[in-house]
Amino acid sequence: MARPMRACTKPGCREMADYTESYCSKHKGAAAKQYNEQVRFSKENKHIAAFYNSKEWKQVRNSFIYANPLCKRCLDEGAVTPAKIVHHI
C-alpha cells in the first residue's frame, strides 16, 4: 500500500514529502543542519549533545531498539516499519 504524501513545509516549495516528514528530500537535510546548528549543538545545549553521544545512551538506545524493533508511531497508524530513532522513552 502506498503511503500518503504531504506538502513540504519549506516556504515556496511545491514538492511532496512523506507523511511522517515535514520537508521534502531536497529540504530535509538543510532543515536538519539548521536545527543542529541553532539548537542541538548550541552553547546552551552542549551537555545534552554530550549525553546523546555517550556510551551509556548508545547502549540504552540499542537495547530499546532490540526489544522494540518496530516503529511504535508507524504501528499506531497501521504501517510496519523498522524503528530508527528512540526518544521520549
N, C-alpha and C. Protein backbone atom coordinates (compact mmCIF):
# COMPACT_ATOMS: atom_id res chain seq x y z
N MET A 1 0.84 -1.18 0.00
CA MET A 1 0.00 0.00 0.00
C MET A 1 0.88 1.24 0.00
N ALA A 2 0.59 2.18 -0.85
CA ALA A 2 1.37 3.42 -0.94
C ALA A 2 1.08 4.31 0.27
N ARG A 3 2.13 4.92 0.77
CA ARG A 3 1.97 5.80 1.92
C ARG A 3 1.53 7.18 1.43
N PRO A 4 0.68 7.86 2.19
CA PRO A 4 0.22 9.18 1.78
C PRO A 4 1.36 10.20 1.82
N MET A 5 1.23 11.22 1.03
CA MET A 5 2.23 12.28 0.95
C MET A 5 1.61 13.58 1.47
N ARG A 6 2.49 14.53 1.79
CA ARG A 6 2.03 15.84 2.24
C ARG A 6 2.94 16.89 1.61
N ALA A 7 2.50 18.12 1.60
CA ALA A 7 3.30 19.20 1.03
C ALA A 7 4.49 19.52 1.92
N CYS A 8 5.62 19.81 1.31
CA CYS A 8 6.82 20.23 2.04
C CYS A 8 6.50 21.56 2.74
N THR A 9 6.97 21.71 3.98
CA THR A 9 6.66 22.91 4.75
C THR A 9 7.66 24.05 4.52
N LYS A 10 8.65 23.86 3.65
CA LYS A 10 9.58 24.93 3.31
C LYS A 10 8.81 25.96 2.49
N PRO A 11 8.80 27.23 2.91
CA PRO A 11 8.06 28.25 2.17
C PRO A 11 8.48 28.30 0.69
N GLY A 12 7.49 28.26 -0.18
CA GLY A 12 7.72 28.34 -1.61
C GLY A 12 7.97 27.02 -2.30
N CYS A 13 8.16 25.95 -1.55
CA CYS A 13 8.43 24.64 -2.15
C CYS A 13 7.12 23.95 -2.51
N ARG A 14 7.08 23.36 -3.69
CA ARG A 14 5.88 22.67 -4.15
C ARG A 14 6.06 21.16 -4.19
N GLU A 15 7.18 20.67 -3.65
CA GLU A 15 7.45 19.24 -3.64
C GLU A 15 6.62 18.55 -2.56
N MET A 16 6.51 17.24 -2.69
CA MET A 16 5.78 16.45 -1.71
C MET A 16 6.77 15.72 -0.80
N ALA A 17 6.35 15.50 0.44
CA ALA A 17 7.17 14.80 1.42
C ALA A 17 6.38 13.61 1.96
N ASP A 18 7.10 12.63 2.50
CA ASP A 18 6.45 11.51 3.16
C ASP A 18 5.58 12.05 4.30
N TYR A 19 4.48 11.39 4.59
CA TYR A 19 3.55 11.91 5.60
C TYR A 19 4.16 11.99 6.98
N THR A 20 5.25 11.28 7.25
CA THR A 20 5.88 11.33 8.56
C THR A 20 6.94 12.43 8.64
N GLU A 21 7.19 13.11 7.53
CA GLU A 21 8.21 14.16 7.47
C GLU A 21 7.58 15.52 7.27
N SER A 22 8.30 16.56 7.65
CA SER A 22 7.83 17.92 7.42
C SER A 22 8.34 18.48 6.10
N TYR A 23 9.53 18.01 5.68
CA TYR A 23 10.17 18.55 4.49
C TYR A 23 10.37 17.48 3.42
N CYS A 24 10.45 17.92 2.17
CA CYS A 24 10.76 17.01 1.06
C CYS A 24 12.23 16.61 1.17
N SER A 25 12.64 15.67 0.34
CA SER A 25 14.02 15.18 0.41
C SER A 25 15.03 16.30 0.11
N LYS A 26 14.66 17.26 -0.71
CA LYS A 26 15.56 18.36 -1.05
C LYS A 26 15.82 19.26 0.16
N HIS A 27 14.80 19.51 0.98
CA HIS A 27 14.93 20.44 2.09
C HIS A 27 15.15 19.79 3.45
N LYS A 28 15.01 18.48 3.53
CA LYS A 28 15.14 17.78 4.80
C LYS A 28 16.54 17.95 5.40
N GLY A 29 17.56 17.78 4.59
CA GLY A 29 18.93 17.91 5.08
C GLY A 29 19.25 19.31 5.55
N ALA A 30 18.79 20.31 4.81
CA ALA A 30 19.05 21.70 5.19
C ALA A 30 18.35 22.04 6.50
N ALA A 31 17.14 21.54 6.68
CA ALA A 31 16.40 21.81 7.92
C ALA A 31 17.10 21.15 9.10
N ALA A 32 17.58 19.93 8.92
CA ALA A 32 18.28 19.23 10.00
C ALA A 32 19.58 19.94 10.35
N LYS A 33 20.30 20.41 9.34
CA LYS A 33 21.56 21.12 9.58
C LYS A 33 21.31 22.41 10.35
N GLN A 34 20.28 23.15 9.95
CA GLN A 34 19.95 24.40 10.64
C GLN A 34 19.54 24.12 12.08
N TYR A 35 18.74 23.09 12.30
CA TYR A 35 18.32 22.73 13.66
C TYR A 35 19.53 22.36 14.50
N ASN A 36 20.42 21.55 13.94
CA ASN A 36 21.61 21.14 14.69
C ASN A 36 22.45 22.34 15.09
N GLU A 37 22.64 23.28 14.17
CA GLU A 37 23.45 24.45 14.47
C GLU A 37 22.79 25.36 15.50
N GLN A 38 21.50 25.56 15.38
CA GLN A 38 20.81 26.52 16.24
C GLN A 38 20.38 25.94 17.58
N VAL A 39 20.07 24.66 17.64
CA VAL A 39 19.51 24.09 18.87
C VAL A 39 20.40 23.00 19.45
N ARG A 40 20.56 21.93 18.73
CA ARG A 40 21.22 20.75 19.28
C ARG A 40 22.64 21.02 19.74
N PHE A 41 23.43 21.74 18.96
CA PHE A 41 24.83 21.96 19.30
C PHE A 41 25.11 23.39 19.75
N SER A 42 24.09 24.08 20.23
CA SER A 42 24.29 25.43 20.74
C SER A 42 25.06 25.36 22.06
N LYS A 43 25.63 26.48 22.46
CA LYS A 43 26.40 26.52 23.71
C LYS A 43 25.55 26.10 24.90
N GLU A 44 24.28 26.49 24.89
CA GLU A 44 23.38 26.17 26.00
C GLU A 44 23.08 24.68 26.09
N ASN A 45 23.19 23.96 25.00
CA ASN A 45 22.81 22.55 24.97
C ASN A 45 23.98 21.58 24.80
N LYS A 46 25.19 22.04 25.03
CA LYS A 46 26.35 21.15 24.86
C LYS A 46 26.26 19.93 25.76
N HIS A 47 25.73 20.09 26.97
CA HIS A 47 25.61 18.95 27.89
C HIS A 47 24.63 17.91 27.35
N ILE A 48 23.60 18.35 26.65
CA ILE A 48 22.63 17.42 26.07
C ILE A 48 23.28 16.66 24.91
N ALA A 49 24.01 17.38 24.06
CA ALA A 49 24.70 16.72 22.95
C ALA A 49 25.71 15.71 23.48
N ALA A 50 26.40 16.06 24.56
CA ALA A 50 27.38 15.13 25.15
C ALA A 50 26.68 13.87 25.64
N PHE A 51 25.50 14.01 26.23
CA PHE A 51 24.75 12.85 26.70
C PHE A 51 24.39 11.92 25.54
N TYR A 52 23.84 12.47 24.46
CA TYR A 52 23.42 11.64 23.34
C TYR A 52 24.59 11.02 22.58
N ASN A 53 25.79 11.52 22.80
CA ASN A 53 26.98 10.92 22.20
C ASN A 53 27.70 9.99 23.18
N SER A 54 27.13 9.81 24.37
CA SER A 54 27.78 8.99 25.39
C SER A 54 27.58 7.49 25.15
N LYS A 55 28.48 6.71 25.67
CA LYS A 55 28.41 5.26 25.57
C LYS A 55 27.14 4.74 26.26
N GLU A 56 26.79 5.33 27.41
CA GLU A 56 25.61 4.90 28.17
C GLU A 56 24.34 5.06 27.35
N TRP A 57 24.15 6.24 26.72
CA TRP A 57 22.95 6.46 25.92
C TRP A 57 22.89 5.49 24.75
N LYS A 58 24.01 5.29 24.08
CA LYS A 58 24.02 4.40 22.92
C LYS A 58 23.66 2.98 23.31
N GLN A 59 24.08 2.55 24.51
CA GLN A 59 23.72 1.21 24.98
C GLN A 59 22.22 1.12 25.28
N VAL A 60 21.67 2.13 25.94
CA VAL A 60 20.23 2.15 26.24
C VAL A 60 19.43 2.18 24.95
N ARG A 61 19.84 3.02 24.01
CA ARG A 61 19.14 3.14 22.73
C ARG A 61 19.15 1.80 21.98
N ASN A 62 20.31 1.18 21.90
CA ASN A 62 20.40 -0.10 21.19
C ASN A 62 19.58 -1.19 21.87
N SER A 63 19.57 -1.20 23.20
CA SER A 63 18.76 -2.18 23.94
C SER A 63 17.27 -1.96 23.67
N PHE A 64 16.85 -0.70 23.64
CA PHE A 64 15.44 -0.40 23.40
C PHE A 64 15.02 -0.82 21.99
N ILE A 65 15.85 -0.52 21.00
CA ILE A 65 15.52 -0.90 19.62
C ILE A 65 15.54 -2.42 19.46
N TYR A 66 16.44 -3.09 20.17
CA TYR A 66 16.48 -4.56 20.10
C TYR A 66 15.17 -5.14 20.66
N ALA A 67 14.68 -4.57 21.76
CA ALA A 67 13.44 -5.05 22.38
C ALA A 67 12.19 -4.58 21.64
N ASN A 68 12.30 -3.46 20.91
CA ASN A 68 11.16 -2.87 20.20
C ASN A 68 11.60 -2.54 18.77
N PRO A 69 11.72 -3.54 17.91
CA PRO A 69 12.30 -3.32 16.58
C PRO A 69 11.41 -2.57 15.59
N LEU A 70 10.13 -2.40 15.93
CA LEU A 70 9.23 -1.71 15.01
C LEU A 70 8.86 -0.33 15.55
N CYS A 71 8.69 0.60 14.64
CA CYS A 71 8.33 1.97 14.99
C CYS A 71 6.92 2.00 15.59
N LYS A 72 6.80 2.45 16.83
CA LYS A 72 5.51 2.49 17.50
C LYS A 72 4.57 3.48 16.84
N ARG A 73 5.08 4.63 16.47
CA ARG A 73 4.25 5.66 15.82
C ARG A 73 3.66 5.12 14.51
N CYS A 74 4.49 4.43 13.74
CA CYS A 74 4.00 3.86 12.48
C CYS A 74 2.97 2.76 12.74
N LEU A 75 3.22 1.92 13.75
CA LEU A 75 2.27 0.85 14.09
C LEU A 75 0.91 1.43 14.47
N ASP A 76 0.92 2.54 15.21
CA ASP A 76 -0.33 3.19 15.60
C ASP A 76 -1.12 3.65 14.38
N GLU A 77 -0.41 3.90 13.27
CA GLU A 77 -1.06 4.35 12.03
C GLU A 77 -1.25 3.20 11.04
N GLY A 78 -0.93 1.97 11.47
CA GLY A 78 -1.17 0.81 10.63
C GLY A 78 -0.04 0.44 9.69
N ALA A 79 1.12 1.07 9.83
CA ALA A 79 2.26 0.77 8.96
C ALA A 79 3.32 0.02 9.76
N VAL A 80 3.95 -0.96 9.15
CA VAL A 80 5.01 -1.74 9.80
C VAL A 80 6.35 -1.29 9.21
N THR A 81 7.14 -0.59 10.03
CA THR A 81 8.46 -0.12 9.60
C THR A 81 9.46 -0.31 10.73
N PRO A 82 10.72 -0.55 10.38
CA PRO A 82 11.74 -0.72 11.42
C PRO A 82 11.93 0.56 12.23
N ALA A 83 12.18 0.41 13.51
CA ALA A 83 12.46 1.57 14.37
C ALA A 83 13.84 2.10 14.02
N LYS A 84 13.97 3.42 13.94
CA LYS A 84 15.25 4.05 13.63
C LYS A 84 15.68 5.01 14.74
N ILE A 85 14.71 5.61 15.40
CA ILE A 85 15.05 6.59 16.43
C ILE A 85 14.38 6.22 17.74
N VAL A 86 14.99 6.69 18.81
CA VAL A 86 14.45 6.47 20.16
C VAL A 86 14.41 7.83 20.83
N HIS A 87 13.25 8.25 21.28
CA HIS A 87 13.16 9.50 22.02
C HIS A 87 11.94 9.46 22.92
N HIS A 88 11.99 10.24 23.95
CA HIS A 88 10.88 10.36 24.91
C HIS A 88 10.45 9.01 25.46
N ILE A 89 11.41 8.20 25.87
CA ILE A 89 11.06 6.89 26.45
C ILE A 89 11.08 6.97 27.97
